[in-house]
Amino acid sequence: MGFTQKQLAEKLNTTNSSVCDWECDRAEPNLETLVRLAEILESSIDDLLGK
């Protein structure tokens, strides 16, 4: 399942810039966004955090 940064930002009600910052380790999503991100990507928070 692949999303563009724009698509993911729209689903999370955030900006493309925020998604880019997460991908480049310049920032981290808040807990609420992290939970929603895991749901969208059909993954666990642990997987997203690399645990």
PDB file of N, CA and C in Angstrom:
ATOM      1  N   MET A   1       0.858  -1.169   0.000  1.00  0.00           N
ATOM      2  CA  MET A   1       0.000   0.000   0.000  1.00  0.00           C
ATOM      3  C   MET A   1       0.899   1.224   0.000  1.00  0.00           C
ATOM      4  N   GLY A   2       0.806   2.012  -1.035  1.00  0.00           N
ATOM      5  CA  GLY A   2       1.634   3.197  -1.115  1.00  0.00           C
ATOM      6  C   GLY A   2       0.798   4.457  -1.220  1.00  0.00           C
ATOM      7  N   PHE A   3       1.278   5.477  -0.581  1.00  0.00           N
ATOM      8  CA  PHE A   3       0.620   6.781  -0.627  1.00  0.00           C
ATOM      9  C   PHE A   3       1.661   7.833  -0.961  1.00  0.00           C
ATOM     10  N   THR A   4       1.261   8.853  -1.672  1.00  0.00           N
ATOM     11  CA  THR A   4       2.140   9.998  -1.834  1.00  0.00           C
ATOM     12  C   THR A   4       2.098  10.789  -0.531  1.00  0.00           C
ATOM     13  N   GLN A   5       3.059  11.677  -0.364  1.00  0.00           N
ATOM     14  CA  GLN A   5       3.039  12.526   0.830  1.00  0.00           C
ATOM     15  C   GLN A   5       1.754  13.344   0.871  1.00  0.00           C
ATOM     16  N   LYS A   6       1.325  13.818  -0.269  1.00  0.00           N
ATOM     17  CA  LYS A   6       0.094  14.614  -0.339  1.00  0.00           C
ATOM     18  C   LYS A   6      -1.116  13.788   0.098  1.00  0.00           C
ATOM     19  N   GLN A   7      -1.222  12.555  -0.410  1.00  0.00           N
ATOM     20  CA  GLN A   7      -2.349  11.693  -0.045  1.00  0.00           C
ATOM     21  C   GLN A   7      -2.352  11.409   1.458  1.00  0.00           C
ATOM     22  N   LEU A   8      -1.187  11.080   1.988  1.00  0.00           N
ATOM     23  CA  LEU A   8      -1.090  10.776   3.404  1.00  0.00           C
ATOM     24  C   LEU A   8      -1.414  12.008   4.246  1.00  0.00           C
ATOM     25  N   ALA A   9      -0.919  13.150   3.835  1.00  0.00           N
ATOM     26  CA  ALA A   9      -1.199  14.398   4.552  1.00  0.00           C
ATOM     27  C   ALA A   9      -2.698  14.682   4.576  1.00  0.00           C
ATOM     28  N   GLU A  10      -3.366  14.456   3.465  1.00  0.00           N
ATOM     29  CA  GLU A  10      -4.812  14.683   3.402  1.00  0.00           C
ATOM     30  C   GLU A  10      -5.551  13.744   4.345  1.00  0.00           C
ATOM     31  N   LYS A  11      -5.145  12.477   4.376  1.00  0.00           N
ATOM     32  CA  LYS A  11      -5.800  11.507   5.256  1.00  0.00           C
ATOM     33  C   LYS A  11      -5.580  11.846   6.729  1.00  0.00           C
ATOM     34  N   LEU A  12      -4.432  12.467   7.035  1.00  0.00           N
ATOM     35  CA  LEU A  12      -4.092  12.794   8.420  1.00  0.00           C
ATOM     36  C   LEU A  12      -4.445  14.233   8.794  1.00  0.00           C
ATOM     37  N   ASN A  13      -5.008  14.963   7.822  1.00  0.00           N
ATOM     38  CA  ASN A  13      -5.365  16.362   8.046  1.00  0.00           C
ATOM     39  C   ASN A  13      -4.146  17.170   8.499  1.00  0.00           C
ATOM     40  N   THR A  14      -3.064  17.012   7.759  1.00  0.00           N
ATOM     41  CA  THR A  14      -1.832  17.737   8.047  1.00  0.00           C
ATOM     42  C   THR A  14      -1.231  18.202   6.725  1.00  0.00           C
ATOM     43  N   THR A  15      -0.011  18.667   6.751  1.00  0.00           N
ATOM     44  CA  THR A  15       0.619  19.195   5.547  1.00  0.00           C
ATOM     45  C   THR A  15       1.615  18.209   4.947  1.00  0.00           C
ATOM     46  N   ASN A  16       1.886  18.374   3.655  1.00  0.00           N
ATOM     47  CA  ASN A  16       2.909  17.565   2.994  1.00  0.00           C
ATOM     48  C   ASN A  16       4.245  17.766   3.694  1.00  0.00           C
ATOM     49  N   SER A  17       4.487  18.982   4.120  1.00  0.00           N
ATOM     50  CA  SER A  17       5.737  19.326   4.795  1.00  0.00           C
ATOM     51  C   SER A  17       5.919  18.518   6.075  1.00  0.00           C
ATOM     52  N   SER A  18       4.849  18.323   6.832  1.00  0.00           N
ATOM     53  CA  SER A  18       4.933  17.535   8.069  1.00  0.00           C
ATOM     54  C   SER A  18       5.277  16.082   7.765  1.00  0.00           C
ATOM     55  N   VAL A  19       4.633  15.525   6.757  1.00  0.00           N
ATOM     56  CA  VAL A  19       4.910  14.139   6.368  1.00  0.00           C
ATOM     57  C   VAL A  19       6.374  14.011   5.950  1.00  0.00           C
ATOM     58  N   CYS A  20       6.856  14.947   5.181  1.00  0.00           N
ATOM     59  CA  CYS A  20       8.257  14.944   4.755  1.00  0.00           C
ATOM     60  C   CYS A  20       9.190  15.010   5.964  1.00  0.00           C
ATOM     61  N   ASP A  21       8.871  15.868   6.928  1.00  0.00           N
ATOM     62  CA  ASP A  21       9.695  15.988   8.134  1.00  0.00           C
ATOM     63  C   ASP A  21       9.751  14.681   8.905  1.00  0.00           C
ATOM     64  N   TRP A  22       8.638  13.955   8.965  1.00  0.00           N
ATOM     65  CA  TRP A  22       8.634  12.661   9.665  1.00  0.00           C
ATOM     66  C   TRP A  22       9.525  11.676   8.921  1.00  0.00           C
ATOM     67  N   GLU A  23       9.394  11.654   7.603  1.00  0.00           N
ATOM     68  CA  GLU A  23      10.177  10.712   6.802  1.00  0.00           C
ATOM     69  C   GLU A  23      11.680  10.995   6.905  1.00  0.00           C
ATOM     70  N   CYS A  24      12.035  12.254   7.064  1.00  0.00           N
ATOM     71  CA  CYS A  24      13.445  12.652   7.093  1.00  0.00           C
ATOM     72  C   CYS A  24      13.976  12.778   8.519  1.00  0.00           C
ATOM     73  N   ASP A  25      13.198  12.327   9.507  1.00  0.00           N
ATOM     74  CA  ASP A  25      13.590  12.377  10.920  1.00  0.00           C
ATOM     75  C   ASP A  25      13.891  13.779  11.432  1.00  0.00           C
ATOM     76  N   ARG A  26      13.188  14.759  10.883  1.00  0.00           N
ATOM     77  CA  ARG A  26      13.324  16.130  11.376  1.00  0.00           C
ATOM     78  C   ARG A  26      12.258  16.452  12.417  1.00  0.00           C
ATOM     79  N   ALA A  27      11.237  15.598  12.488  1.00  0.00           N
ATOM     80  CA  ALA A  27      10.138  15.789  13.445  1.00  0.00           C
ATOM     81  C   ALA A  27       9.455  14.447  13.642  1.00  0.00           C
ATOM     82  N   GLU A  28       8.602  14.372  14.649  1.00  0.00           N
ATOM     83  CA  GLU A  28       7.823  13.167  14.928  1.00  0.00           C
ATOM     84  C   GLU A  28       6.357  13.545  15.073  1.00  0.00           C
ATOM     85  N   PRO A  29       5.464  12.689  14.602  1.00  0.00           N
ATOM     86  CA  PRO A  29       4.032  12.972  14.767  1.00  0.00           C
ATOM     87  C   PRO A  29       3.628  12.832  16.237  1.00  0.00           C
ATOM     88  N   ASN A  30       2.583  13.560  16.614  1.00  0.00           N
ATOM     89  CA  ASN A  30       2.075  13.407  17.983  1.00  0.00           C
ATOM     90  C   ASN A  30       1.376  12.057  18.109  1.00  0.00           C
ATOM     91  N   LEU A  31       1.050  11.677  19.314  1.00  0.00           N
ATOM     92  CA  LEU A  31       0.487  10.346  19.571  1.00  0.00           C
ATOM     93  C   LEU A  31      -0.806  10.114  18.792  1.00  0.00           C
ATOM     94  N   GLU A  32      -1.682  11.080  18.772  1.00  0.00           N
ATOM     95  CA  GLU A  32      -2.957  10.939  18.057  1.00  0.00           C
ATOM     96  C   GLU A  32      -2.711  10.680  16.566  1.00  0.00           C
ATOM     97  N   THR A  33      -1.788  11.412  15.988  1.00  0.00           N
ATOM     98  CA  THR A  33      -1.456  11.240  14.574  1.00  0.00           C
ATOM     99  C   THR A  33      -0.784   9.897  14.342  1.00  0.00           C
ATOM    100  N   LEU A  34       0.066   9.491  15.269  1.00  0.00           N
ATOM    101  CA  LEU A  34       0.746   8.199  15.153  1.00  0.00           C
ATOM    102  C   LEU A  34      -0.256   7.047  15.150  1.00  0.00           C
ATOM    103  N   VAL A  35      -1.250   7.128  16.006  1.00  0.00           N
ATOM    104  CA  VAL A  35      -2.301   6.102  16.054  1.00  0.00           C
ATOM    105  C   VAL A  35      -3.052   6.064  14.724  1.00  0.00           C
ATOM    106  N   ARG A  36      -3.425   7.218  14.216  1.00  0.00           N
ATOM    107  CA  ARG A  36      -4.151   7.290  12.945  1.00  0.00           C
ATOM    108  C   ARG A  36      -3.278   6.789  11.793  1.00  0.00           C
ATOM    109  N   LEU A  37      -1.993   7.134  11.817  1.00  0.00           N
ATOM    110  CA  LEU A  37      -1.063   6.687  10.794  1.00  0.00           C
ATOM    111  C   LEU A  37      -0.961   5.162  10.768  1.00  0.00           C
ATOM    112  N   ALA A  38      -0.895   4.560  11.941  1.00  0.00           N
ATOM    113  CA  ALA A  38      -0.844   3.096  12.031  1.00  0.00           C
ATOM    114  C   ALA A  38      -2.114   2.483  11.440  1.00  0.00           C
ATOM    115  N   GLU A  39      -3.259   3.092  11.713  1.00  0.00           N
ATOM    116  CA  GLU A  39      -4.517   2.590  11.159  1.00  0.00           C
ATOM    117  C   GLU A  39      -4.524   2.682   9.637  1.00  0.00           C
ATOM    118  N   ILE A  40      -4.115   3.818   9.111  1.00  0.00           N
ATOM    119  CA  ILE A  40      -4.116   4.035   7.662  1.00  0.00           C
ATOM    120  C   ILE A  40      -3.174   3.061   6.966  1.00  0.00           C
ATOM    121  N   LEU A  41      -2.010   2.843   7.559  1.00  0.00           N
ATOM    122  CA  LEU A  41      -1.010   1.972   6.942  1.00  0.00           C
ATOM    123  C   LEU A  41      -1.197   0.502   7.312  1.00  0.00           C
ATOM    124  N   GLU A  42      -2.253   0.223   8.086  1.00  0.00           N
ATOM    125  CA  GLU A  42      -2.544  -1.134   8.533  1.00  0.00           C
ATOM    126  C   GLU A  42      -1.300  -1.761   9.173  1.00  0.00           C
ATOM    127  N   SER A  43      -0.757  -1.035  10.115  1.00  0.00           N
ATOM    128  CA  SER A  43       0.467  -1.431  10.796  1.00  0.00           C
ATOM    129  C   SER A  43       0.290  -1.185  12.294  1.00  0.00           C
ATOM    130  N   SER A  44       1.271  -1.569  13.065  1.00  0.00           N
ATOM    131  CA  SER A  44       1.223  -1.269  14.496  1.00  0.00           C
ATOM    132  C   SER A  44       2.133  -0.067  14.784  1.00  0.00           C
ATOM    133  N   ILE A  45       1.887   0.584  15.873  1.00  0.00           N
ATOM    134  CA  ILE A  45       2.742   1.687  16.286  1.00  0.00           C
ATOM    135  C   ILE A  45       4.158   1.184  16.512  1.00  0.00           C
ATOM    136  N   ASP A  46       4.297   0.003  17.095  1.00  0.00           N
ATOM    137  CA  ASP A  46       5.628  -0.573  17.302  1.00  0.00           C
ATOM    138  C   ASP A  46       6.377  -0.718  15.971  1.00  0.00           C
ATOM    139  N   ASP A  47       5.678  -1.201  14.953  1.00  0.00           N
ATOM    140  CA  ASP A  47       6.317  -1.332  13.635  1.00  0.00           C
ATOM    141  C   ASP A  47       6.739   0.026  13.087  1.00  0.00           C
ATOM    142  N   LEU A  48       5.873   1.011  13.259  1.00  0.00           N
ATOM    143  CA  LEU A  48       6.212   2.350  12.774  1.00  0.00           C
ATOM    144  C   LEU A  48       7.419   2.928  13.494  1.00  0.00           C
ATOM    145  N   LEU A  49       7.570   2.569  14.768  1.00  0.00           N
ATOM    146  CA  LEU A  49       8.684   3.076  15.553  1.00  0.00           C
ATOM    147  C   LEU A  49       9.925   2.187  15.464  1.00  0.00           C
ATOM    148  N   GLY A  50       9.804   1.111  14.698  1.00  0.00           N
ATOM    149  CA  GLY A  50      10.942   0.233  14.491  1.00  0.00           C
ATOM    150  C   GLY A  50      11.271  -0.663  15.678  1.00  0.00           C
ATOM    151  N   LYS A  51      10.249  -1.021  16.447  1.00  0.00           N
ATOM    152  CA  LYS A  51      10.458  -1.878  17.618  1.00  0.00           C
ATOM    153  C   LYS A  51      10.054  -3.297  17.328  1.00  0.00           C
TER     154      LYS A  51
END
